[in-house]
């Protein structure tokens, strides 16, 4: 039996060419709350239920595309299982806050599967 599991849906990751302008739009124009900002890399805004991750170009897991993220435990175990089943998986990226990989759903949409650090 696998010990890997899905913990939660993470952020919906939205490309942001200009993080200042994107943050201002979502916070000042639409009234969302800024949860955190990681320099010029990433910002998270929320309505209290759903979180949008505003990703600068270098942080976009699927450049130019909106992607849903899913937090898991046992990322390596999941990747081994998926690879054995023939699912195409991307390269594991070691980020400052997580380890992540992009897979595609049956319609070709990017899904970021990640395991938080610490």
Protein backbone atom coordinates (compact mmCIF):
# COMPACT_ATOMS: atom_id res chain seq x y z
CA UNK A 1 0.00 0.00 0.00
CA UNK A 2 1.30 3.42 -0.92
CA UNK A 3 2.03 5.91 1.84
CA UNK A 4 1.86 8.85 -0.58
CA UNK A 5 -1.25 10.98 -0.40
CA UNK A 6 -2.84 14.18 -1.60
CA UNK A 7 -2.99 16.75 1.19
CA UNK A 8 -4.85 19.56 -0.55
CA UNK A 9 -5.34 21.58 -3.66
CA UNK A 10 -2.72 24.31 -3.60
CA UNK A 11 -2.63 27.57 -5.48
CA UNK A 12 -4.07 28.23 -8.88
CA UNK A 13 -0.90 29.59 -10.49
CA UNK A 14 -1.44 32.57 -12.78
CA UNK A 15 1.33 33.96 -15.01
CA UNK A 16 2.32 37.50 -14.07
CA UNK A 17 4.75 39.41 -16.28
CA UNK A 18 4.77 42.35 -13.85
CA UNK A 19 4.26 41.19 -10.28
CA UNK A 20 3.62 44.71 -8.94
CA UNK A 21 0.90 45.38 -11.51
CA UNK A 22 -0.66 41.93 -11.09
CA UNK A 23 -0.71 42.21 -7.29
CA UNK A 24 -2.24 45.69 -7.46
CA UNK A 25 -4.95 44.48 -9.85
CA UNK A 26 -6.02 41.54 -7.70
CA UNK A 27 -5.73 43.38 -4.36
CA UNK A 28 -6.68 46.98 -5.12
CA UNK A 29 -9.12 46.45 -8.01
CA UNK A 30 -10.76 43.19 -6.97
CA UNK A 31 -10.38 43.35 -3.18
CA UNK A 32 -8.45 40.13 -2.58
CA UNK A 33 -6.05 39.89 0.36
CA UNK A 34 -2.31 39.63 -0.16
CA UNK A 35 -1.25 36.50 1.77
CA UNK A 36 2.47 36.81 1.06
CA UNK A 37 5.00 38.10 -1.39
CA UNK A 38 8.31 36.44 -2.19
CA UNK A 39 10.27 39.37 -3.66
CA UNK A 40 9.84 39.64 -7.43
CA UNK A 41 9.27 35.88 -7.78
CA UNK A 42 5.78 35.14 -6.49
CA UNK A 43 2.80 36.59 -4.66
CA UNK A 44 -0.22 34.84 -3.20
CA UNK A 45 -3.63 36.51 -3.03
CA UNK A 46 -6.80 35.06 -1.58
CA UNK A 47 -10.47 35.58 -1.00
CA UNK A 48 -10.16 33.49 2.18
CA UNK A 49 -11.01 30.23 0.40
CA UNK A 50 -9.09 30.09 -2.86
CA UNK A 51 -5.51 31.24 -3.36
CA UNK A 52 -4.09 32.57 -6.61
CA UNK A 53 -0.34 32.36 -6.98
CA UNK A 54 0.94 35.19 -9.16
CA UNK A 55 4.12 33.84 -10.73
CA UNK A 56 6.82 35.93 -12.37
CA UNK A 57 8.18 34.48 -15.63
CA UNK A 58 11.07 32.58 -14.00
CA UNK A 59 8.67 30.95 -11.52
CA UNK A 60 5.98 29.82 -13.94
CA UNK A 61 5.87 26.01 -13.90
CA UNK A 62 4.12 25.95 -17.30
CA UNK A 63 5.21 29.24 -18.89
CA UNK A 64 2.29 31.39 -20.01
CA UNK A 65 -0.36 28.94 -18.80
CA UNK A 66 -2.59 28.85 -15.74
CA UNK A 67 -1.86 25.74 -13.68
CA UNK A 68 -3.48 24.12 -10.65
CA UNK A 69 -1.18 22.85 -7.93
CA UNK A 70 -1.74 19.86 -5.67
CA UNK A 71 0.23 19.33 -2.45
CA UNK A 72 1.20 15.75 -1.71
CA UNK A 73 3.35 13.70 0.59
CA UNK A 74 5.62 11.02 -0.87
CA UNK A 75 6.39 12.82 -4.14
CA UNK A 76 9.17 10.40 -5.10
CA UNK A 77 6.88 7.42 -4.54
CA UNK A 78 4.15 8.97 -6.68
CA UNK A 79 6.62 9.76 -9.47
CA UNK A 80 7.95 6.20 -9.48
CA UNK A 81 4.39 4.83 -9.67
CA UNK A 82 3.35 7.23 -12.43
CA UNK A 83 6.48 6.55 -14.47
CA UNK A 84 5.91 2.79 -14.13
CA UNK A 85 2.37 3.36 -15.43
CA UNK A 86 3.68 5.29 -18.45
CA UNK A 87 2.56 8.77 -17.38
CA UNK A 88 4.86 11.46 -18.76
CA UNK A 89 6.25 13.53 -15.91
CA UNK A 90 8.48 16.57 -16.08
CA UNK A 91 11.74 17.15 -14.30
CA UNK A 92 11.65 17.63 -10.54
CA UNK A 93 12.38 21.26 -9.66
CA UNK A 94 13.94 22.01 -6.30
CA UNK A 95 12.41 25.32 -5.22
CA UNK A 96 13.14 27.27 -2.05
CA UNK A 97 9.84 26.22 -0.46
CA UNK A 98 8.96 22.97 -2.25
CA UNK A 99 9.94 20.19 -4.63
CA UNK A 100 7.64 20.14 -7.64
CA UNK A 101 6.97 18.47 -10.95
CA UNK A 102 4.57 19.28 -13.77
CA UNK A 103 2.32 16.56 -15.17
CA UNK A 104 -0.52 16.97 -17.67
CA UNK A 105 -4.12 15.91 -17.17
CA UNK A 106 -5.85 13.97 -19.98
CA UNK A 107 -6.79 17.26 -21.71
CA UNK A 108 -3.18 18.46 -21.63
CA UNK A 109 -3.61 21.00 -18.82
CA UNK A 110 -0.56 21.47 -16.59
CA UNK A 111 -0.84 20.27 -12.99
CA UNK A 112 1.91 21.11 -10.53
CA UNK A 113 2.36 18.33 -7.99
CA UNK A 114 4.46 19.48 -5.06
CA UNK A 115 5.81 18.45 -1.70
CA UNK A 116 6.45 21.26 0.79
CA UNK A 117 9.83 21.57 2.47
CA UNK A 118 9.98 21.65 6.24
